[in-house]
Amino acid sequence: MPSFGKTSIQRLETCHKDLQTICNEVIKYYDFSVIEGYRTLEMQQKYFKDGKSKLDGINQKSKHQSLPSLAVDVAPYPIDFKNEHKAKARFYHLAGYMFMASEILYKEKKITHKLRWGGDWDIDNYFNDQSFDDLPHFELVKV
């Protein structure tokens, strides 16, 4: 059974309890790493400047900037970006696990939020209608 390494655990601990619950359920079945939970203003501004985020961190804050973080970035383990098509497919595969776990946990009343993925911002289950993909990104949505 997969398990989180020390760094992933530390990053996940900066996240809202609902994200921790979802990730701790998914890791039982699918190996992945936590790339980032809480994010500083400086890091958010760097991502914005580099085109990795649409939010500048001041006028529009990322859910990563809350403490606890309302967003988490994760990636399948091991991370391999040599084959872009295969790497992208693995993110979609992981997203399926994340969504299934979140739906079950929500229905069981173990979490109080729904989940939004950076590959389906409008949560319509169509992945080709996005203008900006952030495949590692998952964030909590109030119901």
N, C-alpha and C. Protein backbone atom coordinates (compact mmCIF):
# COMPACT_ATOMS: atom_id res chain seq x y z
N MET A 1 0.84 -1.18 0.00
CA MET A 1 0.00 0.00 0.00
C MET A 1 0.89 1.24 0.00
N PRO A 2 0.60 2.21 -0.88
CA PRO A 2 1.39 3.44 -0.90
C PRO A 2 1.22 4.23 0.39
N SER A 3 2.17 5.10 0.65
CA SER A 3 2.06 6.00 1.80
C SER A 3 2.84 7.27 1.49
N PHE A 4 2.50 8.34 2.20
CA PHE A 4 3.17 9.61 2.00
C PHE A 4 4.55 9.60 2.64
N GLY A 5 5.49 10.28 1.99
CA GLY A 5 6.79 10.53 2.57
C GLY A 5 6.70 11.70 3.54
N LYS A 6 7.79 11.94 4.24
CA LYS A 6 7.86 12.99 5.25
C LYS A 6 7.51 14.37 4.69
N THR A 7 8.04 14.70 3.51
CA THR A 7 7.80 16.02 2.92
C THR A 7 6.34 16.19 2.54
N SER A 8 5.74 15.16 1.94
CA SER A 8 4.32 15.24 1.59
C SER A 8 3.46 15.42 2.83
N ILE A 9 3.79 14.72 3.89
CA ILE A 9 3.03 14.84 5.15
C ILE A 9 3.11 16.28 5.67
N GLN A 10 4.31 16.85 5.67
CA GLN A 10 4.49 18.22 6.16
C GLN A 10 3.69 19.21 5.31
N ARG A 11 3.71 19.04 4.01
CA ARG A 11 2.96 19.94 3.13
C ARG A 11 1.46 19.77 3.32
N LEU A 12 1.01 18.54 3.47
CA LEU A 12 -0.42 18.27 3.65
C LEU A 12 -0.92 18.84 4.97
N GLU A 13 -0.07 18.87 5.98
CA GLU A 13 -0.47 19.41 7.29
C GLU A 13 -0.79 20.90 7.23
N THR A 14 -0.38 21.60 6.18
CA THR A 14 -0.71 23.02 6.03
C THR A 14 -2.09 23.22 5.41
N CYS A 15 -2.75 22.12 5.05
CA CYS A 15 -4.04 22.17 4.35
C CYS A 15 -5.23 21.99 5.29
N HIS A 16 -6.36 22.44 4.83
CA HIS A 16 -7.64 22.26 5.52
C HIS A 16 -7.87 20.77 5.79
N LYS A 17 -8.54 20.48 6.88
CA LYS A 17 -8.79 19.08 7.28
C LYS A 17 -9.51 18.28 6.19
N ASP A 18 -10.40 18.91 5.42
CA ASP A 18 -11.08 18.18 4.35
C ASP A 18 -10.09 17.70 3.28
N LEU A 19 -9.12 18.54 2.92
CA LEU A 19 -8.11 18.12 1.95
C LEU A 19 -7.24 17.01 2.53
N GLN A 20 -6.92 17.12 3.80
CA GLN A 20 -6.14 16.06 4.45
C GLN A 20 -6.92 14.74 4.43
N THR A 21 -8.20 14.80 4.71
CA THR A 21 -9.03 13.59 4.72
C THR A 21 -9.09 12.96 3.34
N ILE A 22 -9.30 13.77 2.31
CA ILE A 22 -9.36 13.26 0.93
C ILE A 22 -8.03 12.62 0.55
N CYS A 23 -6.95 13.35 0.74
CA CYS A 23 -5.63 12.84 0.34
C CYS A 23 -5.24 11.59 1.12
N ASN A 24 -5.56 11.56 2.40
CA ASN A 24 -5.23 10.38 3.20
C ASN A 24 -6.05 9.16 2.79
N GLU A 25 -7.20 9.37 2.21
CA GLU A 25 -7.99 8.26 1.68
C GLU A 25 -7.41 7.79 0.34
N VAL A 26 -7.10 8.72 -0.55
CA VAL A 26 -6.61 8.36 -1.89
C VAL A 26 -5.26 7.66 -1.82
N ILE A 27 -4.38 8.07 -0.91
CA ILE A 27 -3.04 7.47 -0.85
C ILE A 27 -3.11 5.98 -0.52
N LYS A 28 -4.20 5.52 0.03
CA LYS A 28 -4.36 4.09 0.31
C LYS A 28 -4.40 3.27 -0.98
N TYR A 29 -4.79 3.91 -2.08
CA TYR A 29 -5.02 3.19 -3.34
C TYR A 29 -4.16 3.68 -4.50
N TYR A 30 -3.63 4.90 -4.40
CA TYR A 30 -2.93 5.50 -5.53
C TYR A 30 -1.74 6.28 -5.00
N ASP A 31 -0.56 6.01 -5.53
CA ASP A 31 0.66 6.66 -5.03
C ASP A 31 0.82 8.04 -5.66
N PHE A 32 0.93 9.05 -4.82
CA PHE A 32 1.13 10.42 -5.30
C PHE A 32 1.85 11.22 -4.24
N SER A 33 2.38 12.36 -4.66
CA SER A 33 3.10 13.26 -3.76
C SER A 33 2.34 14.57 -3.61
N VAL A 34 2.46 15.17 -2.44
CA VAL A 34 1.91 16.50 -2.21
C VAL A 34 3.01 17.50 -2.56
N ILE A 35 2.74 18.30 -3.56
CA ILE A 35 3.73 19.27 -4.05
C ILE A 35 3.67 20.57 -3.24
N GLU A 36 2.44 20.99 -2.92
CA GLU A 36 2.29 22.25 -2.19
C GLU A 36 0.92 22.33 -1.53
N GLY A 37 0.91 22.90 -0.35
CA GLY A 37 -0.33 23.23 0.35
C GLY A 37 -0.37 24.74 0.48
N TYR A 38 -0.02 25.24 1.68
CA TYR A 38 0.02 26.69 1.90
C TYR A 38 1.08 27.33 1.01
N ARG A 39 0.74 28.53 0.52
CA ARG A 39 1.66 29.28 -0.35
C ARG A 39 1.76 30.72 0.12
N THR A 40 2.98 31.22 0.22
CA THR A 40 3.20 32.61 0.63
C THR A 40 2.82 33.57 -0.49
N LEU A 41 2.62 34.83 -0.12
CA LEU A 41 2.34 35.88 -1.11
C LEU A 41 3.46 35.96 -2.13
N GLU A 42 4.70 35.89 -1.67
CA GLU A 42 5.85 36.00 -2.57
C GLU A 42 5.84 34.87 -3.61
N MET A 43 5.55 33.67 -3.17
CA MET A 43 5.52 32.54 -4.10
C MET A 43 4.34 32.67 -5.07
N GLN A 44 3.20 33.14 -4.57
CA GLN A 44 2.03 33.34 -5.44
C GLN A 44 2.35 34.37 -6.52
N GLN A 45 3.01 35.45 -6.14
CA GLN A 45 3.37 36.48 -7.12
C GLN A 45 4.37 35.94 -8.14
N LYS A 46 5.28 35.09 -7.72
CA LYS A 46 6.23 34.47 -8.65
C LYS A 46 5.49 33.60 -9.65
N TYR A 47 4.57 32.76 -9.17
CA TYR A 47 3.80 31.90 -10.08
C TYR A 47 2.99 32.74 -11.06
N PHE A 48 2.43 33.84 -10.59
CA PHE A 48 1.66 34.74 -11.46
C PHE A 48 2.58 35.33 -12.54
N LYS A 49 3.73 35.82 -12.12
CA LYS A 49 4.69 36.42 -13.05
C LYS A 49 5.17 35.40 -14.08
N ASP A 50 5.35 34.14 -13.65
CA ASP A 50 5.83 33.08 -14.54
C ASP A 50 4.71 32.47 -15.39
N GLY A 51 3.46 32.92 -15.22
CA GLY A 51 2.34 32.40 -15.99
C GLY A 51 1.80 31.07 -15.49
N LYS A 52 2.19 30.68 -14.28
CA LYS A 52 1.72 29.42 -13.71
C LYS A 52 0.44 29.60 -12.91
N SER A 53 0.02 30.83 -12.71
CA SER A 53 -1.23 31.13 -12.01
C SER A 53 -1.87 32.34 -12.67
N LYS A 54 -3.18 32.40 -12.60
CA LYS A 54 -3.94 33.55 -13.11
C LYS A 54 -4.23 34.56 -12.00
N LEU A 55 -3.83 34.25 -10.78
CA LEU A 55 -4.12 35.08 -9.62
C LEU A 55 -2.84 35.75 -9.12
N ASP A 56 -2.90 37.08 -8.92
CA ASP A 56 -1.69 37.82 -8.55
C ASP A 56 -1.34 37.75 -7.07
N GLY A 57 -2.25 37.25 -6.25
CA GLY A 57 -1.97 37.10 -4.82
C GLY A 57 -2.36 38.30 -3.99
N ILE A 58 -2.67 39.43 -4.63
CA ILE A 58 -3.09 40.62 -3.89
C ILE A 58 -4.54 40.97 -4.25
N ASN A 59 -4.77 41.32 -5.52
CA ASN A 59 -6.13 41.65 -5.97
C ASN A 59 -7.00 40.40 -6.06
N GLN A 60 -6.38 39.31 -6.43
CA GLN A 60 -7.06 38.01 -6.49
C GLN A 60 -6.18 37.00 -5.77
N LYS A 61 -6.66 36.54 -4.63
CA LYS A 61 -5.86 35.60 -3.83
C LYS A 61 -6.14 34.16 -4.24
N SER A 62 -5.11 33.36 -4.16
CA SER A 62 -5.22 31.92 -4.39
C SER A 62 -5.74 31.26 -3.12
N LYS A 63 -6.44 30.15 -3.29
CA LYS A 63 -6.88 29.39 -2.11
C LYS A 63 -5.69 28.78 -1.38
N HIS A 64 -4.53 28.75 -2.02
CA HIS A 64 -3.31 28.29 -1.36
C HIS A 64 -2.85 29.29 -0.30
N GLN A 65 -3.27 30.54 -0.40
CA GLN A 65 -2.79 31.58 0.50
C GLN A 65 -3.49 31.59 1.86
N SER A 66 -4.54 30.82 2.02
CA SER A 66 -5.21 30.69 3.31
C SER A 66 -4.41 29.75 4.20
N LEU A 67 -4.52 29.94 5.49
CA LEU A 67 -3.90 29.01 6.42
C LEU A 67 -4.95 28.60 7.45
N PRO A 68 -5.45 27.39 7.41
CA PRO A 68 -4.98 26.31 6.55
C PRO A 68 -5.35 26.55 5.08
N SER A 69 -4.55 25.97 4.22
CA SER A 69 -4.74 26.13 2.78
C SER A 69 -6.03 25.46 2.33
N LEU A 70 -6.75 26.14 1.47
CA LEU A 70 -7.98 25.59 0.89
C LEU A 70 -7.69 24.93 -0.45
N ALA A 71 -6.41 24.80 -0.78
CA ALA A 71 -6.00 24.15 -2.03
C ALA A 71 -4.76 23.31 -1.79
N VAL A 72 -4.60 22.31 -2.65
CA VAL A 72 -3.42 21.44 -2.59
C VAL A 72 -3.00 21.12 -4.01
N ASP A 73 -1.70 21.07 -4.24
CA ASP A 73 -1.16 20.62 -5.52
C ASP A 73 -0.54 19.25 -5.30
N VAL A 74 -0.92 18.30 -6.14
CA VAL A 74 -0.44 16.92 -6.01
C VAL A 74 0.00 16.41 -7.37
N ALA A 75 0.82 15.37 -7.37
CA ALA A 75 1.29 14.76 -8.62
C ALA A 75 1.46 13.26 -8.42
N PRO A 76 1.15 12.49 -9.46
CA PRO A 76 1.36 11.04 -9.38
C PRO A 76 2.83 10.74 -9.08
N TYR A 77 3.06 9.69 -8.32
CA TYR A 77 4.43 9.28 -7.98
C TYR A 77 4.73 7.93 -8.63
N PRO A 78 5.88 7.76 -9.22
CA PRO A 78 6.92 8.77 -9.41
C PRO A 78 6.53 9.77 -10.49
N ILE A 79 7.02 10.97 -10.34
CA ILE A 79 6.73 12.04 -11.30
C ILE A 79 7.67 11.88 -12.49
N ASP A 80 7.10 11.77 -13.69
CA ASP A 80 7.89 11.58 -14.91
C ASP A 80 7.27 12.42 -16.01
N PHE A 81 7.95 13.48 -16.40
CA PHE A 81 7.43 14.38 -17.42
C PHE A 81 8.11 14.18 -18.77
N LYS A 82 8.88 13.11 -18.93
CA LYS A 82 9.57 12.87 -20.21
C LYS A 82 8.58 12.59 -21.33
N ASN A 83 7.54 11.84 -21.03
CA ASN A 83 6.49 11.56 -22.00
C ASN A 83 5.28 12.41 -21.60
N GLU A 84 5.13 13.57 -22.24
CA GLU A 84 4.11 14.53 -21.84
C GLU A 84 2.70 13.93 -21.88
N HIS A 85 2.38 13.18 -22.93
CA HIS A 85 1.04 12.59 -23.06
C HIS A 85 0.76 11.62 -21.91
N LYS A 86 1.73 10.77 -21.61
CA LYS A 86 1.56 9.80 -20.52
C LYS A 86 1.47 10.50 -19.17
N ALA A 87 2.29 11.52 -18.97
CA ALA A 87 2.26 12.28 -17.71
C ALA A 87 0.90 12.94 -17.53
N LYS A 88 0.37 13.53 -18.59
CA LYS A 88 -0.93 14.19 -18.52
C LYS A 88 -2.03 13.17 -18.20
N ALA A 89 -1.96 12.01 -18.82
CA ALA A 89 -2.96 10.96 -18.57
C ALA A 89 -2.94 10.54 -17.11
N ARG A 90 -1.75 10.49 -16.50
CA ARG A 90 -1.65 10.10 -15.10
C ARG A 90 -2.31 11.14 -14.18
N PHE A 91 -2.22 12.42 -14.54
CA PHE A 91 -2.90 13.45 -13.75
C PHE A 91 -4.42 13.28 -13.83
N TYR A 92 -4.92 12.95 -15.02
CA TYR A 92 -6.36 12.72 -15.17
C TYR A 92 -6.78 11.49 -14.36
N HIS A 93 -5.95 10.47 -14.36
CA HIS A 93 -6.23 9.26 -13.60
C HIS A 93 -6.30 9.57 -12.11
N LEU A 94 -5.31 10.30 -11.62
CA LEU A 94 -5.29 10.70 -10.21
C LEU A 94 -6.52 11.55 -9.87
N ALA A 95 -6.90 12.44 -10.78
CA ALA A 95 -8.08 13.29 -10.54
C ALA A 95 -9.33 12.44 -10.32
N GLY A 96 -9.45 11.35 -11.06
CA GLY A 96 -10.59 10.45 -10.87
C GLY A 96 -10.63 9.89 -9.46
N TYR A 97 -9.49 9.49 -8.96
CA TYR A 97 -9.41 8.99 -7.58
C TYR A 97 -9.78 10.09 -6.58
N MET A 98 -9.26 11.28 -6.81
CA MET A 98 -9.53 12.39 -5.89
C MET A 98 -11.02 12.71 -5.85
N PHE A 99 -11.64 12.76 -7.04
CA PHE A 99 -13.07 13.07 -7.09
C PHE A 99 -13.92 11.96 -6.48
N MET A 100 -13.61 10.73 -6.79
CA MET A 100 -14.39 9.62 -6.23
C MET A 100 -14.31 9.63 -4.70
N ALA A 101 -13.09 9.79 -4.18
CA ALA A 101 -12.93 9.82 -2.73
C ALA A 101 -13.69 10.99 -2.12
N SER A 102 -13.58 12.16 -2.74
CA SER A 102 -14.25 13.34 -2.17
C SER A 102 -15.77 13.19 -2.19
N GLU A 103 -16.31 12.61 -3.24
CA GLU A 103 -17.77 12.41 -3.30
C GLU A 103 -18.25 11.43 -2.22
N ILE A 104 -17.52 10.34 -2.07
CA ILE A 104 -17.89 9.36 -1.04
C ILE A 104 -17.77 9.97 0.36
N LEU A 105 -16.65 10.64 0.62
CA LEU A 105 -16.44 11.25 1.94
C LEU A 105 -17.49 12.33 2.23
N TYR A 106 -17.89 13.08 1.20
CA TYR A 106 -18.92 14.10 1.38
C TYR A 106 -20.26 13.46 1.72
N LYS A 107 -20.62 12.43 0.99
CA LYS A 107 -21.89 11.74 1.24
C LYS A 107 -21.91 11.07 2.61
N GLU A 108 -20.75 10.62 3.06
CA GLU A 108 -20.63 10.02 4.40
C GLU A 108 -20.50 11.08 5.50
N LYS A 109 -20.53 12.36 5.10
CA LYS A 109 -20.42 13.50 6.02
C LYS A 109 -19.09 13.53 6.77
N LYS A 110 -18.04 13.02 6.13
CA LYS A 110 -16.71 13.07 6.72
C LYS A 110 -15.96 14.33 6.30
N ILE A 111 -16.46 15.00 5.25
CA ILE A 111 -15.94 16.30 4.83
C ILE A 111 -17.14 17.20 4.56
N THR A 112 -16.91 18.52 4.55
CA THR A 112 -18.01 19.48 4.40
C THR A 112 -17.93 20.31 3.13
N HIS A 113 -16.94 20.04 2.28
CA HIS A 113 -16.75 20.78 1.03
C HIS A 113 -16.78 19.83 -0.16
N LYS A 114 -17.06 20.40 -1.32
CA LYS A 114 -16.89 19.69 -2.58
C LYS A 114 -15.49 20.03 -3.09
N LEU A 115 -15.07 19.34 -4.16
CA LEU A 115 -13.72 19.51 -4.70
C LEU A 115 -13.78 20.07 -6.11
N ARG A 116 -12.90 21.02 -6.42
CA ARG A 116 -12.73 21.54 -7.78
C ARG A 116 -11.31 21.21 -8.21
N TRP A 117 -11.16 20.81 -9.48
CA TRP A 117 -9.86 20.43 -10.03
C TRP A 117 -9.43 21.45 -11.08
N GLY A 118 -8.14 21.72 -11.14
CA GLY A 118 -7.58 22.65 -12.11
C GLY A 118 -7.62 22.16 -13.55
N GLY A 119 -8.14 20.98 -13.79
CA GLY A 119 -8.36 20.48 -15.15
C GLY A 119 -9.82 20.55 -15.54
N ASP A 120 -10.67 21.05 -14.62
CA ASP A 120 -12.11 21.16 -14.86
C ASP A 120 -12.67 22.26 -13.96
N TRP A 121 -12.24 23.49 -14.21
CA TRP A 121 -12.58 24.61 -13.35
C TRP A 121 -14.08 24.80 -13.15
N ASP A 122 -14.86 24.54 -14.20
CA ASP A 122 -16.31 24.76 -14.11
C ASP A 122 -17.07 23.53 -13.62
N ILE A 123 -16.34 22.48 -13.29
CA ILE A 123 -16.89 21.25 -12.71
C ILE A 123 -18.04 20.68 -13.55
N ASP A 124 -17.85 20.67 -14.88
CA ASP A 124 -18.88 20.13 -15.76
C ASP A 124 -18.50 18.78 -16.36
N ASN A 125 -17.35 18.24 -15.94
CA ASN A 125 -16.83 16.96 -16.42
C ASN A 125 -16.43 16.97 -17.89
N TYR A 126 -16.28 18.17 -18.47
CA TYR A 126 -15.71 18.32 -19.81
C TYR A 126 -14.35 18.97 -19.62
N PHE A 127 -13.31 18.29 -20.08
CA PHE A 127 -11.96 18.75 -19.81
C PHE A 127 -11.36 19.58 -20.94
N ASN A 128 -12.04 19.64 -22.08
CA ASN A 128 -11.51 20.37 -23.23
C ASN A 128 -12.04 21.80 -23.32
N ASP A 129 -12.80 22.24 -22.34
CA ASP A 129 -13.36 23.60 -22.39
C ASP A 129 -12.65 24.55 -21.43
N GLN A 130 -11.45 24.21 -21.03
CA GLN A 130 -10.68 25.06 -20.12
C GLN A 130 -9.71 25.93 -20.92
N SER A 131 -9.54 27.17 -20.50
CA SER A 131 -8.54 28.03 -21.14
C SER A 131 -7.21 27.98 -20.40
N PHE A 132 -7.22 27.44 -19.18
CA PHE A 132 -6.01 27.34 -18.37
C PHE A 132 -6.07 26.06 -17.55
N ASP A 133 -5.18 25.14 -17.84
CA ASP A 133 -5.11 23.88 -17.10
C ASP A 133 -4.06 23.98 -15.99
N ASP A 134 -4.44 23.54 -14.81
CA ASP A 134 -3.53 23.44 -13.67
C ASP A 134 -3.77 22.05 -13.07
N LEU A 135 -3.25 21.03 -13.76
CA LEU A 135 -3.59 19.64 -13.46
C LEU A 135 -3.21 19.18 -12.05
N PRO A 136 -2.17 19.72 -11.41
CA PRO A 136 -1.88 19.29 -10.04
C PRO A 136 -2.83 19.88 -8.99
N HIS A 137 -3.62 20.88 -9.36
CA HIS A 137 -4.37 21.71 -8.41
C HIS A 137 -5.75 21.16 -8.07
N PHE A 138 -6.03 21.07 -6.77
CA PHE A 138 -7.36 20.74 -6.25
C PHE A 138 -7.69 21.76 -5.17
N GLU A 139 -8.94 22.24 -5.16
CA GLU A 139 -9.34 23.21 -4.15
C GLU A 139 -10.73 22.90 -3.62
N LEU A 140 -10.96 23.35 -2.41
CA LEU A 140 -12.25 23.13 -1.76
C LEU A 140 -13.26 24.18 -2.22
N VAL A 141 -14.51 23.73 -2.37
CA VAL A 141 -15.61 24.61 -2.76
C VAL A 141 -16.70 24.46 -1.71
N LYS A 142 -17.18 25.59 -1.19
CA LYS A 142 -18.28 25.54 -0.22
C LYS A 142 -19.54 25.08 -0.92
N VAL A 143 -20.34 24.32 -0.20
CA VAL A 143 -21.59 23.80 -0.75
C VAL A 143 -22.75 24.61 -0.23
